[in-house]
Amino acid sequence: MTRTQLAYYSGFVRGITEAISDNAFRSPSSMSTRVFKKDGLEKDLAKELKCSEEDIVLEKSALSLSDYLKLELGWDIENAWNLGRRLGFVIGKPEALYTIKDDGELRDNYSGFSRGGGPFYFVEDLFIAVYKELAVLFIVGNDE
């Protein structure tokens, strides 16, 4: 995959995710993304989160992306389905969903209040969907 293709996927995934999440959350929270090549995921996550690779311990979730959005984030079925469907048009269906074990300190360090590189002042949740060629880091947070 070329850098141009990765940039296209990154922009598409972020735009769709932010637009739908603004409608889905019934709170000040929102969701953004970072897109990586599937290979070398832990290395890319460590670089993004400004931590060591040893701090990235992925735990496979039994939930689908849609179920995670509904059960963990409180989204309604329509918004959860809509995000999965629109992402599926371009990047396919997720092969697996992961969370990061003991991510509290990582989230705090990634938050804006810690001068981290995250998109929100407070990062509330991080989870990763792995697709055929890509991995998407979903970042939930707010600026209040």
Protein backbone atom coordinates (compact mmCIF):
# COMPACT_ATOMS: atom_id res chain seq x y z
CA MET A 1 0.00 0.00 0.00
CA THR A 2 1.37 3.37 -0.97
CA ARG A 3 1.51 6.43 1.26
CA THR A 4 -1.07 8.09 -0.98
CA GLN A 5 -3.49 5.20 -0.51
CA LEU A 6 -2.94 5.22 3.25
CA ALA A 7 -3.56 8.98 3.34
CA TYR A 8 -6.81 8.51 1.38
CA TYR A 9 -8.03 5.77 3.74
CA SER A 10 -7.04 7.86 6.77
CA GLY A 11 -9.02 10.86 5.59
CA PHE A 12 -12.04 8.81 4.59
CA VAL A 13 -12.18 6.82 7.83
CA ARG A 14 -11.66 9.87 10.02
CA GLY A 15 -14.28 11.95 8.19
CA ILE A 16 -16.96 9.27 8.26
CA THR A 17 -16.23 8.36 11.88
CA GLU A 18 -16.30 11.94 13.14
CA ALA A 19 -19.50 12.78 11.27
CA ILE A 20 -21.40 9.73 12.50
CA SER A 21 -20.05 9.92 16.06
CA ASP A 22 -21.17 13.53 16.40
CA ASN A 23 -24.69 12.27 15.82
CA ALA A 24 -24.33 9.06 17.86
CA PHE A 25 -23.06 10.39 21.17
CA ARG A 26 -25.58 11.98 23.44
CA SER A 27 -22.87 13.73 25.39
CA PRO A 28 -19.91 16.03 24.78
CA SER A 29 -17.92 13.00 23.60
CA SER A 30 -16.88 12.41 20.02
CA MET A 31 -14.72 9.90 18.18
CA SER A 32 -11.80 10.25 15.82
CA THR A 33 -9.42 7.75 14.24
CA ARG A 34 -5.88 7.03 13.20
CA VAL A 35 -5.26 4.53 10.39
CA PHE A 36 -2.19 2.28 10.15
CA LYS A 37 -1.01 -0.51 7.95
CA LYS A 38 -2.01 -3.82 9.50
CA ASP A 39 1.59 -5.07 9.66
CA GLY A 40 3.59 -3.56 12.52
CA LEU A 41 0.52 -2.46 14.43
CA GLU A 42 2.10 -2.44 17.92
CA LYS A 43 5.03 -0.37 16.64
CA ASP A 44 2.71 2.17 15.00
CA LEU A 45 0.46 2.34 18.07
CA ALA A 46 3.47 2.92 20.32
CA LYS A 47 4.64 5.74 18.05
CA GLU A 48 1.17 7.33 17.96
CA LEU A 49 0.64 7.01 21.72
CA LYS A 50 4.27 8.00 22.48
CA CYS A 51 5.01 4.93 24.58
CA SER A 52 7.10 1.79 24.33
CA GLU A 53 5.89 -1.24 22.41
CA GLU A 54 5.87 -3.17 25.70
CA ASP A 55 3.09 -0.85 26.91
CA ILE A 56 0.86 -2.01 24.04
CA VAL A 57 -0.78 -5.25 25.17
CA LEU A 58 -3.68 -5.98 22.82
CA GLU A 59 -6.62 -7.99 24.07
CA LYS A 60 -8.94 -9.47 21.49
CA SER A 61 -12.56 -8.57 22.13
CA ALA A 62 -15.40 -11.01 21.68
CA LEU A 63 -17.54 -8.10 20.50
CA SER A 64 -17.99 -6.96 16.93
CA LEU A 65 -17.41 -3.29 16.10
CA SER A 66 -21.17 -2.71 16.03
CA ASP A 67 -21.69 -4.43 19.39
CA TYR A 68 -18.81 -2.50 20.96
CA LEU A 69 -20.32 0.79 19.81
CA LYS A 70 -23.71 -0.16 21.21
CA LEU A 71 -22.72 -1.90 24.45
CA GLU A 72 -19.61 0.02 25.49
CA LEU A 73 -20.32 3.49 24.07
CA GLY A 74 -24.11 3.59 24.22
CA TRP A 75 -24.71 4.14 20.50
CA ASP A 76 -28.08 3.26 19.03
CA ILE A 77 -28.32 0.45 16.49
CA GLU A 78 -28.80 2.81 13.53
CA ASN A 79 -25.60 4.81 14.09
CA ALA A 80 -23.55 1.68 14.86
CA TRP A 81 -24.81 0.00 11.70
CA ASN A 82 -24.28 3.16 9.64
CA LEU A 83 -20.61 3.49 10.67
CA GLY A 84 -19.86 -0.15 9.90
CA ARG A 85 -21.67 0.03 6.57
CA ARG A 86 -19.97 3.22 5.38
CA LEU A 87 -16.50 2.04 6.42
CA GLY A 88 -17.26 -1.29 4.77
CA PHE A 89 -17.76 0.40 1.40
CA VAL A 90 -14.07 1.31 1.28
CA ILE A 91 -12.05 -0.75 3.78
CA GLY A 92 -14.22 -3.83 4.23
CA LYS A 93 -15.48 -5.57 7.33
CA PRO A 94 -13.34 -5.77 10.49
CA GLU A 95 -11.60 -9.09 11.03
CA ALA A 96 -11.09 -8.48 14.76
CA LEU A 97 -11.55 -5.88 17.47
CA TYR A 98 -8.95 -5.22 20.17
CA THR A 99 -8.64 -3.15 23.30
CA ILE A 100 -5.40 -2.19 25.02
CA LYS A 101 -4.91 -3.83 28.41
CA ASP A 102 -4.57 -1.38 31.31
CA ASP A 103 -4.75 1.66 29.03
CA GLY A 104 -5.60 4.26 31.70
CA GLU A 105 -2.12 5.77 31.86
CA LEU A 106 -1.77 5.60 28.07
CA ARG A 107 -5.06 7.48 27.64
CA ASP A 108 -4.00 10.12 30.17
CA ASN A 109 -0.61 10.60 28.49
CA TYR A 110 -2.27 10.81 25.05
CA SER A 111 -4.79 13.42 26.26
CA GLY A 112 -4.37 17.11 25.58
CA PHE A 113 -4.32 17.96 29.26
CA SER A 114 -1.03 16.04 29.46
CA ARG A 115 0.20 17.70 26.26
CA GLY A 116 -0.16 14.36 24.51
CA GLY A 117 -0.68 14.03 20.79
CA GLY A 118 -4.30 12.89 20.93
CA PRO A 119 -7.18 14.69 19.25
CA PHE A 120 -9.03 15.42 22.51
CA TYR A 121 -8.32 17.19 25.78
CA PHE A 122 -9.61 14.08 27.58
CA VAL A 123 -9.23 10.66 25.93
CA GLU A 124 -11.92 8.36 27.29
CA ASP A 125 -11.46 5.15 25.30
CA LEU A 126 -9.16 3.53 22.77
CA PHE A 127 -9.92 0.45 20.70
CA ILE A 128 -8.62 -1.02 17.47
CA ALA A 129 -10.42 -2.65 14.56
CA VAL A 130 -8.24 -4.75 12.27
CA TYR A 131 -9.25 -5.02 8.63
CA LYS A 132 -7.76 -6.93 5.69
CA GLU A 133 -4.97 -4.42 5.04
CA LEU A 134 -5.48 -1.74 7.69
CA ALA A 135 -5.89 -1.22 11.39
CA VAL A 136 -7.99 1.62 12.74
CA LEU A 137 -7.37 3.13 16.16
CA PHE A 138 -10.68 4.58 17.37
CA ILE A 139 -10.21 7.39 19.87
CA VAL A 140 -13.13 8.51 22.02
CA GLY A 141 -12.84 11.73 23.97
CA ASN A 142 -14.04 15.24 24.63
CA ASP A 143 -12.70 18.76 24.98
CA GLU A 144 -14.70 19.86 28.01
